[in-house]
């Protein structure tokens, strides 16, 4: 399970007004990197 795939600042970046950060596309709402492996 990919828990987060965003950059160190996450996406959107606080205070950023670029097209990605203001996008309503859920793929542009990314938390910081982490994954879970369930055996």
ModelCIF file with pLDDT and N, C-alpha, C, O atoms, coordinates in Angstrom:
data_MODEL
#
_entry.id   MODEL 
#
_entity.id                         1 
_entity.type                       polymer 
_entity.pdbx_number_of_molecules   1 
#
_entity_poly.entity_id                      1 
_entity_poly.type                           'polypeptide(L)' 
_entity_poly.nstd_linkage                   no 
_entity_poly.nstd_monomer                   no 
_entity_poly.pdbx_seq_one_letter_code       
;(UNK)(UNK)(UNK)(UNK)(UNK)(UNK)(UNK)(UNK)(UNK)(UNK)(UNK)(UNK)(UNK)(UNK)(UNK)(UNK)
(UNK)(UNK)(UNK)(UNK)(UNK)(UNK)(UNK)(UNK)(UNK)(UNK)(UNK)(UNK)(UNK)(UNK)(UNK)(UNK)
(UNK)(UNK)(UNK)(UNK)(UNK)(UNK)(UNK)
;
_entity_poly.pdbx_seq_one_letter_code_can   XXXXXXXXXXXXXXXXXXXXXXXXXXXXXXXXXXXXXXX 
_entity_poly.pdbx_strand_id                 A 
#
loop_
_entity_poly_seq.entity_id 
_entity_poly_seq.num 
_entity_poly_seq.mon_id 
_entity_poly_seq.hetero 
1 1  UNK n 
1 2  UNK n 
1 3  UNK n 
1 4  UNK n 
1 5  UNK n 
1 6  UNK n 
1 7  UNK n 
1 8  UNK n 
1 9  UNK n 
1 10 UNK n 
1 11 UNK n 
1 12 UNK n 
1 13 UNK n 
1 14 UNK n 
1 15 UNK n 
1 16 UNK n 
1 17 UNK n 
1 18 UNK n 
1 19 UNK n 
1 20 UNK n 
1 21 UNK n 
1 22 UNK n 
1 23 UNK n 
1 24 UNK n 
1 25 UNK n 
1 26 UNK n 
1 27 UNK n 
1 28 UNK n 
1 29 UNK n 
1 30 UNK n 
1 31 UNK n 
1 32 UNK n 
1 33 UNK n 
1 34 UNK n 
1 35 UNK n 
1 36 UNK n 
1 37 UNK n 
1 38 UNK n 
1 39 UNK n 
#
_struct_asym.id          A 
_struct_asym.entity_id   1 
#
loop_
_ma_qa_metric.id 
_ma_qa_metric.mode 
_ma_qa_metric.name 
_ma_qa_metric.software_group_id 
_ma_qa_metric.type 
1 global pLDDT . pLDDT 
2 local  pLDDT . pLDDT 
#
_ma_qa_metric_global.metric_id      1 
_ma_qa_metric_global.metric_value   94.10 
_ma_qa_metric_global.model_id       1 
_ma_qa_metric_global.ordinal_id     1 
#
loop_
_ma_qa_metric_local.label_asym_id 
_ma_qa_metric_local.label_comp_id 
_ma_qa_metric_local.label_seq_id 
_ma_qa_metric_local.metric_id 
_ma_qa_metric_local.metric_value 
_ma_qa_metric_local.model_id 
_ma_qa_metric_local.ordinal_id 
A UNK 1  2 97.00 1 1  
A UNK 2  2 95.00 1 2  
A UNK 3  2 96.00 1 3  
A UNK 4  2 94.00 1 4  
A UNK 5  2 92.00 1 5  
A UNK 6  2 88.00 1 6  
A UNK 7  2 88.00 1 7  
A UNK 8  2 91.00 1 8  
A UNK 9  2 91.00 1 9  
A UNK 10 2 90.00 1 10 
A UNK 11 2 92.00 1 11 
A UNK 12 2 94.00 1 12 
A UNK 13 2 94.00 1 13 
A UNK 14 2 95.00 1 14 
A UNK 15 2 95.00 1 15 
A UNK 16 2 96.00 1 16 
A UNK 17 2 96.00 1 17 
A UNK 18 2 96.00 1 18 
A UNK 19 2 96.00 1 19 
A UNK 20 2 94.00 1 20 
A UNK 21 2 95.00 1 21 
A UNK 22 2 96.00 1 22 
A UNK 23 2 95.00 1 23 
A UNK 24 2 95.00 1 24 
A UNK 25 2 96.00 1 25 
A UNK 26 2 92.00 1 26 
A UNK 27 2 91.00 1 27 
A UNK 28 2 93.00 1 28 
A UNK 29 2 92.00 1 29 
A UNK 30 2 92.00 1 30 
A UNK 31 2 93.00 1 31 
A UNK 32 2 94.00 1 32 
A UNK 33 2 94.00 1 33 
A UNK 34 2 96.00 1 34 
A UNK 35 2 97.00 1 35 
A UNK 36 2 98.00 1 36 
A UNK 37 2 97.00 1 37 
A UNK 38 2 97.00 1 38 
A UNK 39 2 97.00 1 39 
#
loop_
_atom_site.group_PDB 
_atom_site.id 
_atom_site.type_symbol 
_atom_site.label_atom_id 
_atom_site.label_alt_id 
_atom_site.label_comp_id 
_atom_site.label_asym_id 
_atom_site.label_entity_id 
_atom_site.label_seq_id 
_atom_site.pdbx_PDB_ins_code 
_atom_site.Cartn_x 
_atom_site.Cartn_y 
_atom_site.Cartn_z 
_atom_site.occupancy 
_atom_site.B_iso_or_equiv 
_atom_site.pdbx_formal_charge 
_atom_site.auth_seq_id 
_atom_site.auth_comp_id 
_atom_site.auth_asym_id 
_atom_site.auth_atom_id 
_atom_site.pdbx_PDB_model_num 
ATOM 1   N N  . UNK A 1 1  ? 0.862  -1.176  0.000   1.00 97.00 ? 1  UNK A N  1 
ATOM 2   C CA . UNK A 1 1  ? 0.000  0.000   0.000   1.00 97.00 ? 1  UNK A CA 1 
ATOM 3   C C  . UNK A 1 1  ? 0.898  1.225   0.000   1.00 97.00 ? 1  UNK A C  1 
ATOM 4   O O  . UNK A 1 1  ? 1.680  1.438   0.927   1.00 97.00 ? 1  UNK A O  1 
ATOM 5   N N  . UNK A 1 2  ? 0.777  2.027   -1.048  1.00 95.00 ? 2  UNK A N  1 
ATOM 6   C CA . UNK A 1 2  ? 1.546  3.264   -1.123  1.00 95.00 ? 2  UNK A CA 1 
ATOM 7   C C  . UNK A 1 2  ? 0.804  4.303   -0.300  1.00 95.00 ? 2  UNK A C  1 
ATOM 8   O O  . UNK A 1 2  ? -0.260 4.772   -0.706  1.00 95.00 ? 2  UNK A O  1 
ATOM 9   N N  . UNK A 1 3  ? 1.348  4.667   0.847   1.00 96.00 ? 3  UNK A N  1 
ATOM 10  C CA . UNK A 1 3  ? 0.689  5.612   1.748   1.00 96.00 ? 3  UNK A CA 1 
ATOM 11  C C  . UNK A 1 3  ? 0.868  7.051   1.296   1.00 96.00 ? 3  UNK A C  1 
ATOM 12  O O  . UNK A 1 3  ? -0.040 7.871   1.438   1.00 96.00 ? 3  UNK A O  1 
ATOM 13  N N  . UNK A 1 4  ? 2.030  7.356   0.754   1.00 94.00 ? 4  UNK A N  1 
ATOM 14  C CA . UNK A 1 4  ? 2.309  8.708   0.286   1.00 94.00 ? 4  UNK A CA 1 
ATOM 15  C C  . UNK A 1 4  ? 3.358  8.668   -0.797  1.00 94.00 ? 4  UNK A C  1 
ATOM 16  O O  . UNK A 1 4  ? 4.293  7.869   -0.741  1.00 94.00 ? 4  UNK A O  1 
ATOM 17  N N  . UNK A 1 5  ? 3.204  9.534   -1.788  1.00 92.00 ? 5  UNK A N  1 
ATOM 18  C CA . UNK A 1 5  ? 4.155  9.586   -2.901  1.00 92.00 ? 5  UNK A CA 1 
ATOM 19  C C  . UNK A 1 5  ? 4.545  11.026  -3.225  1.00 92.00 ? 5  UNK A C  1 
ATOM 20  O O  . UNK A 1 5  ? 5.058  11.305  -4.309  1.00 92.00 ? 5  UNK A O  1 
ATOM 21  N N  . UNK A 1 6  ? 4.301  11.934  -2.290  1.00 88.00 ? 6  UNK A N  1 
ATOM 22  C CA . UNK A 1 6  ? 4.596  13.344  -2.518  1.00 88.00 ? 6  UNK A CA 1 
ATOM 23  C C  . UNK A 1 6  ? 6.035  13.693  -2.203  1.00 88.00 ? 6  UNK A C  1 
ATOM 24  O O  . UNK A 1 6  ? 6.790  12.877  -1.674  1.00 88.00 ? 6  UNK A O  1 
ATOM 25  N N  . UNK A 1 7  ? 6.399  14.904  -2.535  1.00 88.00 ? 7  UNK A N  1 
ATOM 26  C CA . UNK A 1 7  ? 7.746  15.408  -2.251  1.00 88.00 ? 7  UNK A CA 1 
ATOM 27  C C  . UNK A 1 7  ? 7.884  15.702  -0.758  1.00 88.00 ? 7  UNK A C  1 
ATOM 28  O O  . UNK A 1 7  ? 6.956  15.473  0.018   1.00 88.00 ? 7  UNK A O  1 
ATOM 29  N N  . UNK A 1 8  ? 9.036  16.206  -0.373  1.00 91.00 ? 8  UNK A N  1 
ATOM 30  C CA . UNK A 1 8  ? 9.278  16.499  1.044   1.00 91.00 ? 8  UNK A CA 1 
ATOM 31  C C  . UNK A 1 8  ? 8.324  17.550  1.589   1.00 91.00 ? 8  UNK A C  1 
ATOM 32  O O  . UNK A 1 8  ? 8.064  17.576  2.792   1.00 91.00 ? 8  UNK A O  1 
ATOM 33  N N  . UNK A 1 9  ? 7.803  18.406  0.739   1.00 91.00 ? 9  UNK A N  1 
ATOM 34  C CA . UNK A 1 9  ? 6.842  19.427  1.167   1.00 91.00 ? 9  UNK A CA 1 
ATOM 35  C C  . UNK A 1 9  ? 5.403  18.948  1.036   1.00 91.00 ? 9  UNK A C  1 
ATOM 36  O O  . UNK A 1 9  ? 4.487  19.627  1.499   1.00 91.00 ? 9  UNK A O  1 
ATOM 37  N N  . UNK A 1 10 ? 5.186  17.799  0.419   1.00 90.00 ? 10 UNK A N  1 
ATOM 38  C CA . UNK A 1 10 ? 3.834  17.341  0.129   1.00 90.00 ? 10 UNK A CA 1 
ATOM 39  C C  . UNK A 1 10 ? 3.273  18.125  -1.044  1.00 90.00 ? 10 UNK A C  1 
ATOM 40  O O  . UNK A 1 10 ? 3.864  19.107  -1.492  1.00 90.00 ? 10 UNK A O  1 
ATOM 41  N N  . UNK A 1 11 ? 2.136  17.683  -1.530  1.00 92.00 ? 11 UNK A N  1 
ATOM 42  C CA . UNK A 1 11 ? 1.471  18.381  -2.635  1.00 92.00 ? 11 UNK A CA 1 
ATOM 43  C C  . UNK A 1 11 ? -0.012 18.467  -2.305  1.00 92.00 ? 11 UNK A C  1 
ATOM 44  O O  . UNK A 1 11 ? -0.633 17.428  -2.077  1.00 92.00 ? 11 UNK A O  1 
ATOM 45  N N  . UNK A 1 12 ? -0.612 19.655  -2.269  1.00 94.00 ? 12 UNK A N  1 
ATOM 46  C CA . UNK A 1 12 ? -0.021 20.935  -2.661  1.00 94.00 ? 12 UNK A CA 1 
ATOM 47  C C  . UNK A 1 12 ? 0.974  21.454  -1.622  1.00 94.00 ? 12 UNK A C  1 
ATOM 48  O O  . UNK A 1 12 ? 0.926  21.093  -0.446  1.00 94.00 ? 12 UNK A O  1 
ATOM 49  N N  . UNK A 1 13 ? 1.867  22.305  -2.094  1.00 94.00 ? 13 UNK A N  1 
ATOM 50  C CA . UNK A 1 13 ? 2.846  22.953  -1.231  1.00 94.00 ? 13 UNK A CA 1 
ATOM 51  C C  . UNK A 1 13 ? 2.176  24.174  -0.598  1.00 94.00 ? 13 UNK A C  1 
ATOM 52  O O  . UNK A 1 13 ? 1.487  24.932  -1.281  1.00 94.00 ? 13 UNK A O  1 
ATOM 53  N N  . UNK A 1 14 ? 2.376  24.356  0.677   1.00 95.00 ? 14 UNK A N  1 
ATOM 54  C CA . UNK A 1 14 ? 1.789  25.494  1.375   1.00 95.00 ? 14 UNK A CA 1 
ATOM 55  C C  . UNK A 1 14 ? 2.184  26.796  0.674   1.00 95.00 ? 14 UNK A C  1 
ATOM 56  O O  . UNK A 1 14 ? 3.366  27.048  0.437   1.00 95.00 ? 14 UNK A O  1 
ATOM 57  N N  . UNK A 1 15 ? 1.193  27.613  0.347   1.00 95.00 ? 15 UNK A N  1 
ATOM 58  C CA . UNK A 1 15 ? 1.428  28.924  -0.241  1.00 95.00 ? 15 UNK A CA 1 
ATOM 59  C C  . UNK A 1 15 ? 1.715  28.935  -1.728  1.00 95.00 ? 15 UNK A C  1 
ATOM 60  O O  . UNK A 1 15 ? 1.885  30.008  -2.307  1.00 95.00 ? 15 UNK A O  1 
ATOM 61  N N  . UNK A 1 16 ? 1.775  27.779  -2.362  1.00 96.00 ? 16 UNK A N  1 
ATOM 62  C CA . UNK A 1 16 ? 2.094  27.728  -3.790  1.00 96.00 ? 16 UNK A CA 1 
ATOM 63  C C  . UNK A 1 16 ? 0.822  27.873  -4.619  1.00 96.00 ? 16 UNK A C  1 
ATOM 64  O O  . UNK A 1 16 ? -0.216 27.307  -4.276  1.00 96.00 ? 16 UNK A O  1 
ATOM 65  N N  . UNK A 1 17 ? 0.905  28.628  -5.702  1.00 96.00 ? 17 UNK A N  1 
ATOM 66  C CA . UNK A 1 17 ? -0.251 28.853  -6.574  1.00 96.00 ? 17 UNK A CA 1 
ATOM 67  C C  . UNK A 1 17 ? -0.033 28.296  -7.976  1.00 96.00 ? 17 UNK A C  1 
ATOM 68  O O  . UNK A 1 17 ? -0.708 28.714  -8.916  1.00 96.00 ? 17 UNK A O  1 
ATOM 69  N N  . UNK A 1 18 ? 0.910  27.349  -8.131  1.00 96.00 ? 18 UNK A N  1 
ATOM 70  C CA . UNK A 1 18 ? 1.135  26.758  -9.448  1.00 96.00 ? 18 UNK A CA 1 
ATOM 71  C C  . UNK A 1 18 ? -0.070 25.899  -9.833  1.00 96.00 ? 18 UNK A C  1 
ATOM 72  O O  . UNK A 1 18 ? -0.924 25.611  -8.995  1.00 96.00 ? 18 UNK A O  1 
ATOM 73  N N  . UNK A 1 19 ? -0.134 25.499  -11.080 1.00 96.00 ? 19 UNK A N  1 
ATOM 74  C CA . UNK A 1 19 ? -1.280 24.734  -11.585 1.00 96.00 ? 19 UNK A CA 1 
ATOM 75  C C  . UNK A 1 19 ? -1.473 23.424  -10.832 1.00 96.00 ? 19 UNK A C  1 
ATOM 76  O O  . UNK A 1 19 ? -2.608 23.015  -10.589 1.00 96.00 ? 19 UNK A O  1 
ATOM 77  N N  . UNK A 1 20 ? -0.382 22.759  -10.460 1.00 94.00 ? 20 UNK A N  1 
ATOM 78  C CA . UNK A 1 20 ? -0.495 21.493  -9.735  1.00 94.00 ? 20 UNK A CA 1 
ATOM 79  C C  . UNK A 1 20 ? -1.049 21.723  -8.332  1.00 94.00 ? 20 UNK A C  1 
ATOM 80  O O  . UNK A 1 20 ? -1.945 21.006  -7.888  1.00 94.00 ? 20 UNK A O  1 
ATOM 81  N N  . UNK A 1 21 ? -0.519 22.715  -7.643  1.00 95.00 ? 21 UNK A N  1 
ATOM 82  C CA . UNK A 1 21 ? -0.922 22.944  -6.252  1.00 95.00 ? 21 UNK A CA 1 
ATOM 83  C C  . UNK A 1 21 ? -2.353 23.465  -6.115  1.00 95.00 ? 21 UNK A C  1 
ATOM 84  O O  . UNK A 1 21 ? -2.986 23.237  -5.084  1.00 95.00 ? 21 UNK A O  1 
ATOM 85  N N  . UNK A 1 22 ? -2.869 24.149  -7.111  1.00 96.00 ? 22 UNK A N  1 
ATOM 86  C CA . UNK A 1 22 ? -4.251 24.645  -7.018  1.00 96.00 ? 22 UNK A CA 1 
ATOM 87  C C  . UNK A 1 22 ? -5.231 23.720  -7.732  1.00 96.00 ? 22 UNK A C  1 
ATOM 88  O O  . UNK A 1 22 ? -6.432 23.986  -7.766  1.00 96.00 ? 22 UNK A O  1 
ATOM 89  N N  . UNK A 1 23 ? -4.721 22.645  -8.294  1.00 95.00 ? 23 UNK A N  1 
ATOM 90  C CA . UNK A 1 23 ? -5.554 21.693  -9.027  1.00 95.00 ? 23 UNK A CA 1 
ATOM 91  C C  . UNK A 1 23 ? -6.586 21.034  -8.107  1.00 95.00 ? 23 UNK A C  1 
ATOM 92  O O  . UNK A 1 23 ? -6.327 20.830  -6.921  1.00 95.00 ? 23 UNK A O  1 
ATOM 93  N N  . UNK A 1 24 ? -7.734 20.711  -8.651  1.00 95.00 ? 24 UNK A N  1 
ATOM 94  C CA . UNK A 1 24 ? -8.750 19.954  -7.905  1.00 95.00 ? 24 UNK A CA 1 
ATOM 95  C C  . UNK A 1 24 ? -8.631 18.454  -8.182  1.00 95.00 ? 24 UNK A C  1 
ATOM 96  O O  . UNK A 1 24 ? -9.381 17.660  -7.614  1.00 95.00 ? 24 UNK A O  1 
ATOM 97  N N  . UNK A 1 25 ? -7.707 18.067  -9.038  1.00 96.00 ? 25 UNK A N  1 
ATOM 98  C CA . UNK A 1 25 ? -7.473 16.659  -9.363  1.00 96.00 ? 25 UNK A CA 1 
ATOM 99  C C  . UNK A 1 25 ? -6.902 15.958  -8.126  1.00 96.00 ? 25 UNK A C  1 
ATOM 100 O O  . UNK A 1 25 ? -5.871 16.376  -7.599  1.00 96.00 ? 25 UNK A O  1 
ATOM 101 N N  . UNK A 1 26 ? -7.552 14.915  -7.670  1.00 92.00 ? 26 UNK A N  1 
ATOM 102 C CA . UNK A 1 26 ? -7.104 14.210  -6.462  1.00 92.00 ? 26 UNK A CA 1 
ATOM 103 C C  . UNK A 1 26 ? -5.689 13.646  -6.596  1.00 92.00 ? 26 UNK A C  1 
ATOM 104 O O  . UNK A 1 26 ? -5.018 13.432  -5.587  1.00 92.00 ? 26 UNK A O  1 
ATOM 105 N N  . UNK A 1 27 ? -5.231 13.405  -7.811  1.00 91.00 ? 27 UNK A N  1 
ATOM 106 C CA . UNK A 1 27 ? -3.865 12.906  -8.000  1.00 91.00 ? 27 UNK A CA 1 
ATOM 107 C C  . UNK A 1 27 ? -2.827 13.960  -7.611  1.00 91.00 ? 27 UNK A C  1 
ATOM 108 O O  . UNK A 1 27 ? -1.648 13.641  -7.454  1.00 91.00 ? 27 UNK A O  1 
ATOM 109 N N  . UNK A 1 28 ? -3.255 15.195  -7.457  1.00 93.00 ? 28 UNK A N  1 
ATOM 110 C CA . UNK A 1 28 ? -2.354 16.273  -7.041  1.00 93.00 ? 28 UNK A CA 1 
ATOM 111 C C  . UNK A 1 28 ? -2.469 16.579  -5.548  1.00 93.00 ? 28 UNK A C  1 
ATOM 112 O O  . UNK A 1 28 ? -2.042 17.641  -5.097  1.00 93.00 ? 28 UNK A O  1 
ATOM 113 N N  . UNK A 1 29 ? -3.033 15.672  -4.798  1.00 92.00 ? 29 UNK A N  1 
ATOM 114 C CA . UNK A 1 29 ? -3.100 15.761  -3.338  1.00 92.00 ? 29 UNK A CA 1 
ATOM 115 C C  . UNK A 1 29 ? -2.269 14.593  -2.801  1.00 92.00 ? 29 UNK A C  1 
ATOM 116 O O  . UNK A 1 29 ? -2.784 13.491  -2.608  1.00 92.00 ? 29 UNK A O  1 
ATOM 117 N N  . UNK A 1 30 ? -0.990 14.845  -2.565  1.00 92.00 ? 30 UNK A N  1 
ATOM 118 C CA . UNK A 1 30 ? -0.075 13.757  -2.214  1.00 92.00 ? 30 UNK A CA 1 
ATOM 119 C C  . UNK A 1 30 ? 0.625  14.041  -0.886  1.00 92.00 ? 30 UNK A C  1 
ATOM 120 O O  . UNK A 1 30 ? 1.184  15.117  -0.674  1.00 92.00 ? 30 UNK A O  1 
ATOM 121 N N  . UNK A 1 31 ? 0.581  13.063  -0.014  1.00 93.00 ? 31 UNK A N  1 
ATOM 122 C CA . UNK A 1 31 ? 1.286  13.175  1.258   1.00 93.00 ? 31 UNK A CA 1 
ATOM 123 C C  . UNK A 1 31 ? 2.713  12.652  1.096   1.00 93.00 ? 31 UNK A C  1 
ATOM 124 O O  . UNK A 1 31 ? 3.075  12.117  0.048   1.00 93.00 ? 31 UNK A O  1 
ATOM 125 N N  . UNK A 1 32 ? 3.517  12.813  2.147   1.00 94.00 ? 32 UNK A N  1 
ATOM 126 C CA . UNK A 1 32 ? 4.929  12.457  2.101   1.00 94.00 ? 32 UNK A CA 1 
ATOM 127 C C  . UNK A 1 32 ? 5.128  10.951  1.957   1.00 94.00 ? 32 UNK A C  1 
ATOM 128 O O  . UNK A 1 32 ? 4.266  10.157  2.332   1.00 94.00 ? 32 UNK A O  1 
ATOM 129 N N  . UNK A 1 33 ? 6.286  10.575  1.403   1.00 94.00 ? 33 UNK A N  1 
ATOM 130 C CA . UNK A 1 33 ? 6.587  9.191   1.027   1.00 94.00 ? 33 UNK A CA 1 
ATOM 131 C C  . UNK A 1 33 ? 6.580  8.229   2.205   1.00 94.00 ? 33 UNK A C  1 
ATOM 132 O O  . UNK A 1 33 ? 7.224  8.448   3.231   1.00 94.00 ? 33 UNK A O  1 
ATOM 133 N N  . UNK A 1 34 ? 5.830  7.162   2.014   1.00 96.00 ? 34 UNK A N  1 
ATOM 134 C CA . UNK A 1 34 ? 5.798  6.046   2.944   1.00 96.00 ? 34 UNK A CA 1 
ATOM 135 C C  . UNK A 1 34 ? 5.010  4.932   2.275   1.00 96.00 ? 34 UNK A C  1 
ATOM 136 O O  . UNK A 1 34 ? 4.151  5.187   1.430   1.00 96.00 ? 34 UNK A O  1 
ATOM 137 N N  . UNK A 1 35 ? 5.303  3.707   2.652   1.00 97.00 ? 35 UNK A N  1 
ATOM 138 C CA . UNK A 1 35 ? 4.552  2.559   2.144   1.00 97.00 ? 35 UNK A CA 1 
ATOM 139 C C  . UNK A 1 35 ? 4.369  1.536   3.249   1.00 97.00 ? 35 UNK A C  1 
ATOM 140 O O  . UNK A 1 35 ? 5.118  1.499   4.225   1.00 97.00 ? 35 UNK A O  1 
ATOM 141 N N  . UNK A 1 36 ? 3.351  0.706   3.068   1.00 98.00 ? 36 UNK A N  1 
ATOM 142 C CA . UNK A 1 36 ? 3.046  -0.363  4.013   1.00 98.00 ? 36 UNK A CA 1 
ATOM 143 C C  . UNK A 1 36 ? 3.052  -1.684  3.274   1.00 98.00 ? 36 UNK A C  1 
ATOM 144 O O  . UNK A 1 36 ? 2.408  -1.831  2.235   1.00 98.00 ? 36 UNK A O  1 
ATOM 145 N N  . UNK A 1 37 ? 3.781  -2.638  3.814   1.00 97.00 ? 37 UNK A N  1 
ATOM 146 C CA . UNK A 1 37 ? 3.807  -3.982  3.255   1.00 97.00 ? 37 UNK A CA 1 
ATOM 147 C C  . UNK A 1 37 ? 3.073  -4.887  4.235   1.00 97.00 ? 37 UNK A C  1 
ATOM 148 O O  . UNK A 1 37 ? 3.452  -4.995  5.401   1.00 97.00 ? 37 UNK A O  1 
ATOM 149 N N  . UNK A 1 38 ? 2.029  -5.529  3.754   1.00 97.00 ? 38 UNK A N  1 
ATOM 150 C CA . UNK A 1 38 ? 1.290  -6.495  4.567   1.00 97.00 ? 38 UNK A CA 1 
ATOM 151 C C  . UNK A 1 38 ? 1.661  -7.882  4.070   1.00 97.00 ? 38 UNK A C  1 
ATOM 152 O O  . UNK A 1 38 ? 1.380  -8.241  2.926   1.00 97.00 ? 38 UNK A O  1 
ATOM 153 N N  . UNK A 1 39 ? 2.288  -8.650  4.933   1.00 97.00 ? 39 UNK A N  1 
ATOM 154 C CA . UNK A 1 39 ? 2.717  -9.991  4.575   1.00 97.00 ? 39 UNK A CA 1 
ATOM 155 C C  . UNK A 1 39 ? 1.532  -10.948 4.571   1.00 97.00 ? 39 UNK A C  1 
ATOM 156 O O  . UNK A 1 39 ? 1.697  -12.135 4.290   1.00 97.00 ? 39 UNK A O  1 
#
